[in-house]
Amino acid sequence: MAKAKSKAKSKAKAKAKRYTDEKKKEILDFIVAQGRGGQTKAVKKYKVTAATIVAWKKKVGGASAPARFKGGSKELKTVRELERLLNEIASTEVKLDDLRKRYKQVKAKL
């Protein structure tokens, strides 16, 4: 019993690591670019847990798996690029709406 307690105490609890939005986007884009097995590669490359990546995907709205295509055709790459661009446009529009609201609020103070 005493040995089990000492082992538990000797393991230091890992400090939670924070990721910037840019780093999250970089990792998620890496996963999309890699295609099949991209998440596993990202876990190894960026030392991020799979659970963390899944949480980011859900937050961004990419919880559902993208459509699967066979092979690595140019068409597939084009479709993936279009998907990535649409996601980027959507997030940029949300940011733009927030900026417009803040602009109106500040302007109203004049």
C-alpha atoms as a PDB file:
ATOM      1  CA  MET A   1       0.000   0.000   0.000  1.00  0.00           C
ATOM      2  CA  ALA A   2       2.754   2.427   0.908  1.00  0.00           C
ATOM      3  CA  LYS A   3       4.517   1.840  -2.406  1.00  0.00           C
ATOM      4  CA  ALA A   4       1.366   2.541  -4.401  1.00  0.00           C
ATOM      5  CA  LYS A   5       0.882   5.872  -2.645  1.00  0.00           C
ATOM      6  CA  SER A   6       4.478   6.938  -3.174  1.00  0.00           C
ATOM      7  CA  LYS A   7       4.272   6.125  -6.896  1.00  0.00           C
ATOM      8  CA  ALA A   8       1.092   8.148  -7.248  1.00  0.00           C
ATOM      9  CA  LYS A   9       2.707  11.127  -5.535  1.00  0.00           C
ATOM     10  CA  SER A  10       5.868  10.913  -7.625  1.00  0.00           C
ATOM     11  CA  LYS A  11       3.969  11.478 -10.863  1.00  0.00           C
ATOM     12  CA  ALA A  12       3.644  15.216 -11.354  1.00  0.00           C
ATOM     13  CA  LYS A  13       0.378  16.346 -12.832  1.00  0.00           C
ATOM     14  CA  ALA A  14       0.946  17.774 -16.312  1.00  0.00           C
ATOM     15  CA  LYS A  15       0.123  21.450 -16.637  1.00  0.00           C
ATOM     16  CA  ALA A  16      -2.639  22.162 -19.131  1.00  0.00           C
ATOM     17  CA  LYS A  17      -1.247  23.588 -22.349  1.00  0.00           C
ATOM     18  CA  ARG A  18      -3.078  26.420 -24.078  1.00  0.00           C
ATOM     19  CA  TYR A  19      -3.177  26.719 -27.852  1.00  0.00           C
ATOM     20  CA  THR A  20      -3.781  29.912 -29.794  1.00  0.00           C
ATOM     21  CA  ASP A  21      -6.553  30.001 -32.375  1.00  0.00           C
ATOM     22  CA  GLU A  22      -3.884  30.178 -35.084  1.00  0.00           C
ATOM     23  CA  LYS A  23      -2.161  27.040 -33.788  1.00  0.00           C
ATOM     24  CA  LYS A  24      -5.506  25.206 -33.561  1.00  0.00           C
ATOM     25  CA  LYS A  25      -6.290  26.203 -37.147  1.00  0.00           C
ATOM     26  CA  GLU A  26      -2.838  25.065 -38.273  1.00  0.00           C
ATOM     27  CA  ILE A  27      -3.341  21.662 -36.661  1.00  0.00           C
ATOM     28  CA  LEU A  28      -6.880  21.231 -38.035  1.00  0.00           C
ATOM     29  CA  ASP A  29      -5.725  22.277 -41.524  1.00  0.00           C
ATOM     30  CA  PHE A  30      -2.869  19.757 -41.265  1.00  0.00           C
ATOM     31  CA  ILE A  31      -5.418  17.026 -40.494  1.00  0.00           C
ATOM     32  CA  VAL A  32      -7.568  17.956 -43.494  1.00  0.00           C
ATOM     33  CA  ALA A  33      -4.536  18.111 -45.783  1.00  0.00           C
ATOM     34  CA  GLN A  34      -3.315  14.695 -44.628  1.00  0.00           C
ATOM     35  CA  GLY A  35      -6.660  13.033 -45.268  1.00  0.00           C
ATOM     36  CA  ARG A  36      -7.027   9.531 -43.883  1.00  0.00           C
ATOM     37  CA  GLY A  37      -4.915   9.126 -40.752  1.00  0.00           C
ATOM     38  CA  GLY A  38      -4.363  12.866 -40.468  1.00  0.00           C
ATOM     39  CA  GLN A  39      -5.561  13.083 -36.886  1.00  0.00           C
ATOM     40  CA  THR A  40      -3.187  10.332 -35.765  1.00  0.00           C
ATOM     41  CA  LYS A  41      -0.309  12.080 -37.530  1.00  0.00           C
ATOM     42  CA  ALA A  42      -1.259  15.393 -35.896  1.00  0.00           C
ATOM     43  CA  VAL A  43      -1.295  13.771 -32.443  1.00  0.00           C
ATOM     44  CA  LYS A  44       2.272  12.572 -32.981  1.00  0.00           C
ATOM     45  CA  LYS A  45       3.583  15.698 -34.723  1.00  0.00           C
ATOM     46  CA  TYR A  46       2.049  18.374 -32.471  1.00  0.00           C
ATOM     47  CA  LYS A  47       1.852  16.300 -29.251  1.00  0.00           C
ATOM     48  CA  VAL A  48      -1.845  17.083 -28.809  1.00  0.00           C
ATOM     49  CA  THR A  49      -4.274  14.495 -27.496  1.00  0.00           C
ATOM     50  CA  ALA A  50      -6.878  13.048 -29.842  1.00  0.00           C
ATOM     51  CA  ALA A  51      -9.605  14.136 -27.403  1.00  0.00           C
ATOM     52  CA  THR A  52      -8.416  17.739 -27.652  1.00  0.00           C
ATOM     53  CA  ILE A  53      -8.520  17.622 -31.446  1.00  0.00           C
ATOM     54  CA  VAL A  54     -12.029  16.138 -31.410  1.00  0.00           C
ATOM     55  CA  ALA A  55     -13.168  18.946 -29.089  1.00  0.00           C
ATOM     56  CA  TRP A  56     -11.717  21.555 -31.467  1.00  0.00           C
ATOM     57  CA  LYS A  57     -13.456  19.921 -34.432  1.00  0.00           C
ATOM     58  CA  LYS A  58     -16.790  19.964 -32.617  1.00  0.00           C
ATOM     59  CA  LYS A  59     -16.333  23.605 -31.645  1.00  0.00           C
ATOM     60  CA  VAL A  60     -15.537  24.598 -35.234  1.00  0.00           C
ATOM     61  CA  GLY A  61     -18.493  22.608 -36.516  1.00  0.00           C
ATOM     62  CA  GLY A  62     -16.568  19.844 -38.224  1.00  0.00           C
ATOM     63  CA  ALA A  63     -17.885  17.099 -35.962  1.00  0.00           C
ATOM     64  CA  SER A  64     -19.141  15.047 -38.874  1.00  0.00           C
ATOM     65  CA  ALA A  65     -16.597  13.265 -40.996  1.00  0.00           C
ATOM     66  CA  PRO A  66     -15.992  14.776 -44.429  1.00  0.00           C
ATOM     67  CA  ALA A  67     -17.212  12.865 -47.453  1.00  0.00           C
ATOM     68  CA  ARG A  68     -14.872  10.000 -48.290  1.00  0.00           C
ATOM     69  CA  PHE A  69     -13.414   9.662 -51.761  1.00  0.00           C
ATOM     70  CA  LYS A  70     -11.238   6.897 -53.106  1.00  0.00           C
ATOM     71  CA  GLY A  71      -7.792   7.806 -54.338  1.00  0.00           C
ATOM     72  CA  GLY A  72      -5.928  11.083 -54.256  1.00  0.00           C
ATOM     73  CA  SER A  73      -7.294  12.641 -57.416  1.00  0.00           C
ATOM     74  CA  LYS A  74      -7.041  16.296 -58.351  1.00  0.00           C
ATOM     75  CA  GLU A  75     -10.805  16.472 -57.971  1.00  0.00           C
ATOM     76  CA  LEU A  76     -10.563  15.311 -54.364  1.00  0.00           C
ATOM     77  CA  LYS A  77      -7.908  17.913 -53.599  1.00  0.00           C
ATOM     78  CA  THR A  78     -10.065  20.593 -55.199  1.00  0.00           C
ATOM     79  CA  VAL A  79     -13.106  19.547 -53.165  1.00  0.00           C
ATOM     80  CA  ARG A  80     -11.059  19.625 -49.953  1.00  0.00           C
ATOM     81  CA  GLU A  81      -9.703  23.060 -50.821  1.00  0.00           C
ATOM     82  CA  LEU A  82     -13.247  24.300 -51.493  1.00  0.00           C
ATOM     83  CA  GLU A  83     -14.389  22.904 -48.142  1.00  0.00           C
ATOM     84  CA  ARG A  84     -11.491  24.584 -46.354  1.00  0.00           C
ATOM     85  CA  LEU A  85     -12.214  27.894 -48.084  1.00  0.00           C
ATOM     86  CA  LEU A  86     -15.908  27.730 -47.202  1.00  0.00           C
ATOM     87  CA  ASN A  87     -15.051  27.116 -43.558  1.00  0.00           C
ATOM     88  CA  GLU A  88     -12.616  30.023 -43.590  1.00  0.00           C
ATOM     89  CA  ILE A  89     -15.182  32.310 -45.244  1.00  0.00           C
ATOM     90  CA  ALA A  90     -17.786  31.374 -42.630  1.00  0.00           C
ATOM     91  CA  SER A  91     -15.454  32.080 -39.723  1.00  0.00           C
ATOM     92  CA  THR A  92     -14.317  35.358 -41.307  1.00  0.00           C
ATOM     93  CA  GLU A  93     -17.932  36.462 -41.774  1.00  0.00           C
ATOM     94  CA  VAL A  94     -18.630  35.794 -38.099  1.00  0.00           C
ATOM     95  CA  LYS A  95     -15.598  37.883 -37.138  1.00  0.00           C
ATOM     96  CA  LEU A  96     -16.689  40.645 -39.524  1.00  0.00           C
ATOM     97  CA  ASP A  97     -20.179  40.729 -37.989  1.00  0.00           C
ATOM     98  CA  ASP A  98     -18.638  41.070 -34.526  1.00  0.00           C
ATOM     99  CA  LEU A  99     -16.407  43.907 -35.725  1.00  0.00           C
ATOM    100  CA  ARG A 100     -19.382  45.721 -37.258  1.00  0.00           C
ATOM    101  CA  LYS A 101     -21.318  45.439 -33.979  1.00  0.00           C
ATOM    102  CA  ARG A 102     -18.359  46.768 -31.993  1.00  0.00           C
ATOM    103  CA  TYR A 103     -17.911  49.593 -34.514  1.00  0.00           C
ATOM    104  CA  LYS A 104     -21.552  50.647 -34.118  1.00  0.00           C
ATOM    105  CA  GLN A 105     -21.243  50.558 -30.329  1.00  0.00           C
ATOM    106  CA  VAL A 106     -18.128  52.724 -30.320  1.00  0.00           C
ATOM    107  CA  LYS A 107     -19.564  55.099 -32.916  1.00  0.00           C
ATOM    108  CA  ALA A 108     -22.717  55.513 -30.810  1.00  0.00           C
ATOM    109  CA  LYS A 109     -20.568  56.889 -27.989  1.00  0.00           C
ATOM    110  CA  LEU A 110     -19.641  59.928 -30.115  1.00  0.00           C
END
